[in-house]
């Protein structure tokens, strides 16, 4: 048995992950990140889970790193008409690096979290893979992790579904069993993105235009829009209208019919590979978390990736993460910079 750190947010997933490791006889230490922003509930909620399980608990301060690496870049992206992915960025830049550093300093041999994902071993070593329940899998949000971290990670919930996890929590008598899943970014104040953007002086109103550039109305902030959005446009065209493009320079929002949402491919930057594919290899790519994925071909063009879809895809948004896979294995990822129409 090993000494293992478990990231405790206080939610049912991390609580059951820690409980399972305790049941297996491991020496468990709970770690909770303090982000210093938003509700910042994890330190107190994680301590309560640790108390119930009878394991030690430590809080890892992450406010400075979280502000610089996640919050500020996300705000700046929204202000430029780019849709950020704070969770994927946080996992790679803040959560996993800081928790693993703390775990090592406390003498732990591994770090476990309540993510629905798996680590599998093959001839190349340990690889990231989708969870057994692919509908719940969170491997997408882990695709930016440093490859060298995979050898130290455990995902005890990788083969379980959410109903099973809640059932186990109830059987174990964990108070987290009935705690609802969080739906919003963990760092948002009561006023949401509007309040946070305003506090940083990044509210950017501008025009709302049709496909020909004709101004239809004005909007109160480009951060309120993302590619493919239909609701909340504040304009009636007499037919279904969607956000087709965001012009960060002018804070302009362009809307039009759904046919304008489809792309034949994308450009990506900063690729990170767990297992680099051959040039022109046929892979599968997801362009957002809820995307089912599409077969594609990937070509390296200098420092960028050119990704060509086998069939057109809807609502590809710059700032989101393109995650590449082969069967259930996650091969790598890149940040989307442009959709190819």
Protein backbone atom coordinates (compact mmCIF):
# COMPACT_ATOMS: atom_id res chain seq x y z
CA UNK A 1 0.00 0.00 0.00
CA UNK A 2 1.14 3.55 -0.71
CA UNK A 3 0.84 7.01 0.79
CA UNK A 4 -1.44 8.91 -1.59
CA UNK A 5 -2.68 12.48 -1.72
CA UNK A 6 -6.28 13.07 -2.82
CA UNK A 7 -7.55 16.38 -4.13
CA UNK A 8 -10.60 17.15 -1.98
CA UNK A 9 -13.06 19.78 -3.20
CA UNK A 10 -15.75 18.61 -0.83
CA UNK A 11 -17.91 17.31 -3.67
CA UNK A 12 -19.18 13.77 -3.97
CA UNK A 13 -16.64 12.73 -6.62
CA UNK A 14 -13.50 13.60 -4.71
CA UNK A 15 -15.02 12.29 -1.47
CA UNK A 16 -15.73 8.87 -3.00
CA UNK A 17 -12.29 8.79 -4.64
CA UNK A 18 -10.70 9.26 -1.21
CA UNK A 19 -13.06 6.73 0.41
CA UNK A 20 -12.20 4.08 -2.20
CA UNK A 21 -8.47 4.52 -1.60
CA UNK A 22 -9.01 4.24 2.15
CA UNK A 23 -10.99 1.04 1.58
CA UNK A 24 -8.06 -0.34 -0.41
CA UNK A 25 -5.78 0.19 2.56
CA UNK A 26 -3.76 3.14 1.32
CA UNK A 27 -2.51 5.88 3.61
CA UNK A 28 -4.56 8.86 2.42
CA UNK A 29 -3.88 12.57 2.79
CA UNK A 30 -6.48 15.14 1.71
CA UNK A 31 -5.36 18.27 -0.15
CA UNK A 32 -7.62 21.22 -0.99
CA UNK A 33 -6.76 24.20 -3.14
CA UNK A 34 -7.60 27.67 -1.85
CA UNK A 35 -8.15 29.84 -4.93
CA UNK A 36 -8.76 33.08 -3.03
CA UNK A 37 -11.60 34.02 -5.39
CA UNK A 38 -15.31 33.35 -5.74
CA UNK A 39 -16.90 31.06 -3.18
CA UNK A 40 -13.59 29.28 -2.42
CA UNK A 41 -15.48 26.49 -0.66
CA UNK A 42 -12.96 23.70 -1.16
CA UNK A 43 -10.81 24.26 1.97
CA UNK A 44 -13.72 23.99 4.42
CA UNK A 45 -15.68 21.38 2.47
CA UNK A 46 -12.56 19.29 1.87
CA UNK A 47 -11.68 19.44 5.57
CA UNK A 48 -15.15 18.10 6.43
CA UNK A 49 -14.71 15.13 4.06
CA UNK A 50 -11.27 14.42 5.56
CA UNK A 51 -12.75 14.58 9.06
CA UNK A 52 -15.45 12.05 8.12
CA UNK A 53 -12.86 9.71 6.63
CA UNK A 54 -10.44 10.17 9.51
CA UNK A 55 -7.55 11.27 7.30
CA UNK A 56 -5.24 14.29 7.64
CA UNK A 57 -5.98 17.37 5.57
CA UNK A 58 -3.91 20.26 4.23
CA UNK A 59 -4.82 23.43 2.34
CA UNK A 60 -2.66 24.48 -0.61
CA UNK A 61 -2.71 28.23 -1.31
CA UNK A 62 -3.10 28.88 -5.04
CA UNK A 63 -4.57 32.39 -5.20
CA UNK A 64 -1.66 34.13 -6.95
CA UNK A 65 -1.12 31.39 -9.52
CA UNK A 66 -4.84 31.01 -10.16
CA UNK A 67 -5.31 34.73 -10.69
CA UNK A 68 -2.38 35.04 -13.09
CA UNK A 69 -2.71 31.76 -14.97
CA UNK A 70 -6.49 31.31 -15.16
CA UNK A 71 -8.65 34.28 -14.20
CA UNK A 72 -6.79 37.12 -15.92
CA UNK A 73 -6.18 35.22 -19.21
CA UNK A 74 -9.85 34.18 -19.27
CA UNK A 75 -11.03 37.77 -18.79
CA UNK A 76 -8.66 39.04 -21.47
CA UNK A 77 -9.81 36.35 -23.86
CA UNK A 78 -13.48 37.21 -23.38
CA UNK A 79 -12.71 40.90 -23.92
CA UNK A 80 -11.17 40.00 -27.29
CA UNK A 81 -14.09 37.88 -28.46
CA UNK A 82 -12.37 34.58 -27.67
CA UNK A 83 -14.14 31.85 -25.68
CA UNK A 84 -11.69 30.56 -23.04
CA UNK A 85 -11.63 27.17 -21.33
CA UNK A 86 -10.68 27.99 -17.71
CA UNK A 87 -10.98 24.40 -16.42
CA UNK A 88 -8.52 22.92 -18.91
CA UNK A 89 -6.11 25.77 -18.29
CA UNK A 90 -6.42 25.48 -14.51
CA UNK A 91 -5.82 21.73 -14.52
CA UNK A 92 -2.60 22.14 -16.50
CA UNK A 93 -1.22 25.37 -15.02
CA UNK A 94 -2.44 25.40 -11.41
CA UNK A 95 -4.39 22.51 -9.91
CA UNK A 96 -2.31 19.47 -10.84
CA UNK A 97 1.16 21.08 -10.65
CA UNK A 98 0.54 22.67 -7.22
CA UNK A 99 -1.19 19.65 -5.74
CA UNK A 100 1.49 17.26 -6.97
CA UNK A 101 4.25 19.51 -5.63
CA UNK A 102 2.54 19.60 -2.22
CA UNK A 103 1.97 15.84 -2.31
CA UNK A 104 5.65 15.14 -2.95
CA UNK A 105 6.73 17.51 -0.19
CA UNK A 106 4.46 15.59 2.20
CA UNK A 107 5.97 12.25 1.22
CA UNK A 108 3.20 10.95 -1.07
CA UNK A 109 3.86 8.54 -3.93
CA UNK A 110 0.87 9.56 -6.03
CA UNK A 111 -1.95 12.07 -6.48
CA UNK A 112 -5.57 11.01 -6.96
CA UNK A 113 -8.54 13.14 -8.02
CA UNK A 114 -12.26 12.58 -8.52
CA UNK A 115 -12.10 13.13 -12.29
CA UNK A 116 -13.89 10.67 -14.54
CA UNK A 117 -10.91 9.55 -16.60
CA UNK A 118 -8.47 6.65 -16.70
CA UNK A 119 -4.75 6.05 -16.88
CA UNK A 120 -3.89 3.02 -19.00
CA UNK A 121 -0.53 1.41 -19.67
CA UNK A 122 0.77 0.32 -23.06
CA UNK A 123 4.14 -0.19 -24.74
CA UNK A 124 4.78 3.58 -24.65
CA UNK A 125 4.05 3.89 -20.93
CA UNK A 126 1.10 5.37 -19.05
CA UNK A 127 -1.52 7.10 -21.17
CA UNK A 128 -4.60 9.22 -20.53
CA UNK A 129 -7.86 7.61 -21.62
CA UNK A 130 -11.57 8.33 -21.53
CA UNK A 131 -13.58 7.11 -18.55
CA UNK A 132 -15.53 3.88 -18.79
CA UNK A 133 -18.70 5.99 -18.92
CA UNK A 134 -17.80 8.13 -21.93
CA UNK A 135 -20.87 10.32 -21.49
CA UNK A 136 -19.41 11.46 -18.15
CA UNK A 137 -15.73 11.35 -19.11
CA UNK A 138 -13.68 14.42 -18.17
CA UNK A 139 -10.50 13.39 -19.99
CA UNK A 140 -11.10 16.35 -22.35
CA UNK A 141 -10.29 18.77 -19.51
CA UNK A 142 -7.07 16.90 -18.69
CA UNK A 143 -5.61 16.96 -22.19
CA UNK A 144 -3.20 19.84 -21.39
CA UNK A 145 -1.51 18.08 -18.46
CA UNK A 146 2.25 17.69 -18.63
CA UNK A 147 2.93 14.17 -19.99
CA UNK A 148 5.42 13.46 -17.19
CA UNK A 149 2.61 13.86 -14.64
CA UNK A 150 0.68 10.85 -15.89
CA UNK A 151 3.00 8.42 -14.14
CA UNK A 152 1.98 9.85 -10.76
CA UNK A 153 -1.80 10.20 -11.17
CA UNK A 154 -4.70 7.99 -10.11
CA UNK A 155 -8.36 8.35 -11.09
CA UNK A 156 -10.30 5.96 -8.81
CA UNK A 157 -13.64 6.81 -10.47
CA UNK A 158 -12.45 5.98 -13.99
CA UNK A 159 -14.59 2.87 -14.36
CA UNK A 160 -17.64 4.18 -12.48
CA UNK A 161 -20.69 6.17 -13.49
CA UNK A 162 -22.18 9.05 -11.53
CA UNK A 163 -25.15 7.04 -10.16
CA UNK A 164 -22.73 4.43 -8.82
CA UNK A 165 -20.62 7.14 -7.18
CA UNK A 166 -23.63 8.68 -5.42
CA UNK A 167 -24.74 5.23 -4.32
CA UNK A 168 -21.29 4.49 -2.87
CA UNK A 169 -21.28 7.86 -1.09
CA UNK A 170 -24.63 7.05 0.48
CA UNK A 171 -23.50 3.59 1.55
CA UNK A 172 -20.38 5.10 3.11
CA UNK A 173 -22.45 7.68 4.98
CA UNK A 174 -20.60 10.59 3.38
CA UNK A 175 -22.25 13.98 3.83
CA UNK A 176 -21.20 14.85 0.25
CA UNK A 177 -23.58 12.18 -1.12
CA UNK A 178 -26.35 14.71 -1.76
CA UNK A 179 -24.19 17.70 -2.57
CA UNK A 180 -25.21 19.02 -6.03
CA UNK A 181 -22.67 19.25 -8.83
CA UNK A 182 -21.24 22.70 -9.44
CA UNK A 183 -22.52 24.27 -12.66
CA UNK A 184 -20.59 27.56 -12.78
CA UNK A 185 -16.92 28.48 -12.87
CA UNK A 186 -15.68 28.07 -9.30
CA UNK A 187 -14.21 31.58 -9.09
CA UNK A 188 -17.19 33.67 -10.24
CA UNK A 189 -18.67 36.27 -7.87
CA UNK A 190 -22.47 36.49 -7.37
CA UNK A 191 -22.76 38.75 -10.43
CA UNK A 192 -21.05 36.21 -12.67
CA UNK A 193 -18.87 37.19 -15.62
CA UNK A 194 -20.54 40.61 -15.89
CA UNK A 195 -19.37 41.56 -12.40
CA UNK A 196 -15.88 40.17 -12.89
CA UNK A 197 -15.37 41.82 -16.29
CA UNK A 198 -16.58 45.16 -14.92
CA UNK A 199 -14.28 44.91 -11.89
CA UNK A 200 -11.30 44.59 -14.25
CA UNK A 201 -12.46 47.34 -16.60
CA UNK A 202 -12.93 44.89 -19.46
CA UNK A 203 -16.58 45.41 -20.40
CA UNK A 204 -16.61 46.06 -24.14
CA UNK A 205 -19.96 47.06 -25.67
CA UNK A 206 -20.24 47.18 -29.44
CA UNK A 207 -22.39 46.61 -32.51
CA UNK A 208 -24.42 43.53 -33.35
CA UNK A 209 -24.34 43.06 -37.14
CA UNK A 210 -25.77 40.81 -39.84
CA UNK A 211 -23.65 38.84 -42.30
CA UNK A 212 -23.28 41.88 -44.56
CA UNK A 213 -21.99 44.08 -41.76
CA UNK A 214 -25.22 46.04 -41.35
CA UNK A 215 -25.70 47.15 -37.74
CA UNK A 216 -28.85 45.66 -36.26
CA UNK A 217 -28.48 46.70 -32.62
CA UNK A 218 -25.89 47.26 -29.92
CA UNK A 219 -24.77 44.94 -27.13
CA UNK A 220 -23.42 45.59 -23.63
CA UNK A 221 -20.39 43.30 -23.69
CA UNK A 222 -18.74 40.98 -26.20
CA UNK A 223 -17.98 38.53 -23.36
CA UNK A 224 -21.68 37.61 -23.31
CA UNK A 225 -21.44 35.87 -26.69
CA UNK A 226 -19.85 32.76 -28.14
CA UNK A 227 -19.90 31.10 -31.55
CA UNK A 228 -23.10 29.15 -32.10
CA UNK A 229 -25.13 31.00 -29.46
CA UNK A 230 -28.81 31.51 -30.24
CA UNK A 231 -30.41 32.82 -27.05
CA UNK A 232 -29.92 36.28 -25.61
CA UNK A 233 -29.01 38.02 -28.87
CA UNK A 234 -31.39 40.90 -28.23
CA UNK A 235 -32.51 41.10 -31.86
CA UNK A 236 -35.29 39.51 -33.94
CA UNK A 237 -34.62 38.75 -37.60
CA UNK A 238 -37.81 36.87 -38.36
CA UNK A 239 -35.82 33.62 -38.68
CA UNK A 240 -33.44 31.64 -36.44
CA UNK A 241 -30.24 33.61 -35.88
CA UNK A 242 -26.96 32.51 -34.32
CA UNK A 243 -23.65 34.10 -33.43
CA UNK A 244 -21.40 33.41 -36.43
CA UNK A 245 -18.29 35.43 -35.56
CA UNK A 246 -16.81 37.76 -32.95
CA UNK A 247 -14.57 40.66 -33.97
CA UNK A 248 -12.38 41.44 -30.98
CA UNK A 249 -10.89 44.62 -32.45
CA UNK A 250 -14.29 46.31 -32.80
CA UNK A 251 -16.13 44.28 -30.11
CA UNK A 252 -18.57 43.42 -32.89
CA UNK A 253 -20.90 40.42 -32.87
CA UNK A 254 -21.96 39.03 -36.24
CA UNK A 255 -25.17 36.98 -36.43
CA UNK A 256 -26.86 35.04 -39.19
CA UNK A 257 -28.47 31.75 -40.25
CA UNK A 258 -27.19 28.38 -38.99
CA UNK A 259 -25.57 27.51 -42.31
CA UNK A 260 -22.84 30.02 -41.51
CA UNK A 261 -21.74 28.04 -38.46
CA UNK A 262 -20.13 25.12 -40.30
CA UNK A 263 -16.38 24.71 -40.72
CA UNK A 264 -14.27 22.29 -42.75
CA UNK A 265 -11.39 22.43 -40.29
CA UNK A 266 -9.42 24.58 -37.87
CA UNK A 267 -6.03 26.02 -37.05
CA UNK A 268 -4.52 25.22 -33.66
CA UNK A 269 -1.59 26.54 -31.63
CA UNK A 270 0.62 25.25 -28.83
CA UNK A 271 0.08 21.53 -29.48
CA UNK A 272 0.83 19.22 -26.56
CA UNK A 273 1.15 15.51 -27.27
CA UNK A 274 1.12 12.50 -25.00
CA UNK A 275 1.85 10.41 -28.09
CA UNK A 276 2.69 12.46 -31.22
CA UNK A 277 0.93 11.15 -34.36
CA UNK A 278 2.59 10.72 -37.72
CA UNK A 279 2.24 13.60 -40.19
CA UNK A 280 -1.16 13.39 -41.86
CA UNK A 281 -2.38 10.65 -39.51
CA UNK A 282 -6.12 10.07 -39.29
CA UNK A 283 -7.37 10.87 -35.78
CA UNK A 284 -10.56 11.93 -34.03
CA UNK A 285 -10.96 15.44 -32.65
CA UNK A 286 -13.38 17.09 -30.23
CA UNK A 287 -13.67 20.86 -30.50
CA UNK A 288 -15.48 21.40 -27.16
CA UNK A 289 -16.39 19.27 -24.18
CA UNK A 290 -19.92 18.43 -25.35
CA UNK A 291 -18.77 17.65 -28.92
CA UNK A 292 -19.06 13.99 -29.92
CA UNK A 293 -15.95 14.26 -32.09
CA UNK A 294 -15.20 13.85 -35.79
CA UNK A 295 -12.55 12.01 -37.78
CA UNK A 296 -9.86 14.33 -39.03
CA UNK A 297 -6.41 14.63 -40.53
CA UNK A 298 -3.75 16.62 -38.69
CA UNK A 299 -0.81 18.34 -40.35
CA UNK A 300 1.97 20.30 -38.68
CA UNK A 301 2.50 23.68 -40.33
CA UNK A 302 5.47 25.28 -38.59
CA UNK A 303 4.39 25.97 -35.01
CA UNK A 304 0.72 25.48 -35.85
CA UNK A 305 -1.57 22.56 -36.56
CA UNK A 306 -3.89 22.36 -39.56
CA UNK A 307 -6.85 20.10 -38.78
CA UNK A 308 -9.13 19.00 -41.62
CA UNK A 309 -12.49 17.48 -40.66
CA UNK A 310 -13.88 14.48 -42.49
CA UNK A 311 -17.21 16.31 -42.54
CA UNK A 312 -18.14 19.92 -41.67
CA UNK A 313 -18.57 20.73 -37.98
CA UNK A 314 -20.77 23.28 -36.28
CA UNK A 315 -19.74 26.19 -34.04
CA UNK A 316 -15.96 25.86 -33.81
CA UNK A 317 -14.94 28.62 -31.36
CA UNK A 318 -11.45 30.15 -31.08
CA UNK A 319 -10.13 29.78 -27.53
CA UNK A 320 -11.60 26.33 -27.01
CA UNK A 321 -9.52 23.18 -26.88
CA UNK A 322 -9.16 20.71 -29.75
CA UNK A 323 -8.52 17.30 -28.19
CA UNK A 324 -7.21 14.46 -30.36
CA UNK A 325 -7.81 10.80 -29.68
CA UNK A 326 -7.47 7.34 -31.17
CA UNK A 327 -10.18 5.01 -29.93
CA UNK A 328 -10.29 5.72 -26.16
CA UNK A 329 -6.77 7.08 -25.82
CA UNK A 330 -6.14 10.84 -25.61
CA UNK A 331 -3.16 11.62 -27.85
CA UNK A 332 -2.88 15.37 -27.35
CA UNK A 333 -4.48 18.78 -27.78
CA UNK A 334 -4.12 22.28 -29.21
CA UNK A 335 -5.82 25.61 -28.62
CA UNK A 336 -8.15 26.60 -31.44
CA UNK A 337 -7.17 29.89 -33.08
CA UNK A 338 -9.37 29.91 -36.17
CA UNK A 339 -12.15 27.95 -37.82
CA UNK A 340 -11.78 27.29 -41.54
CA UNK A 341 -15.03 28.11 -43.36
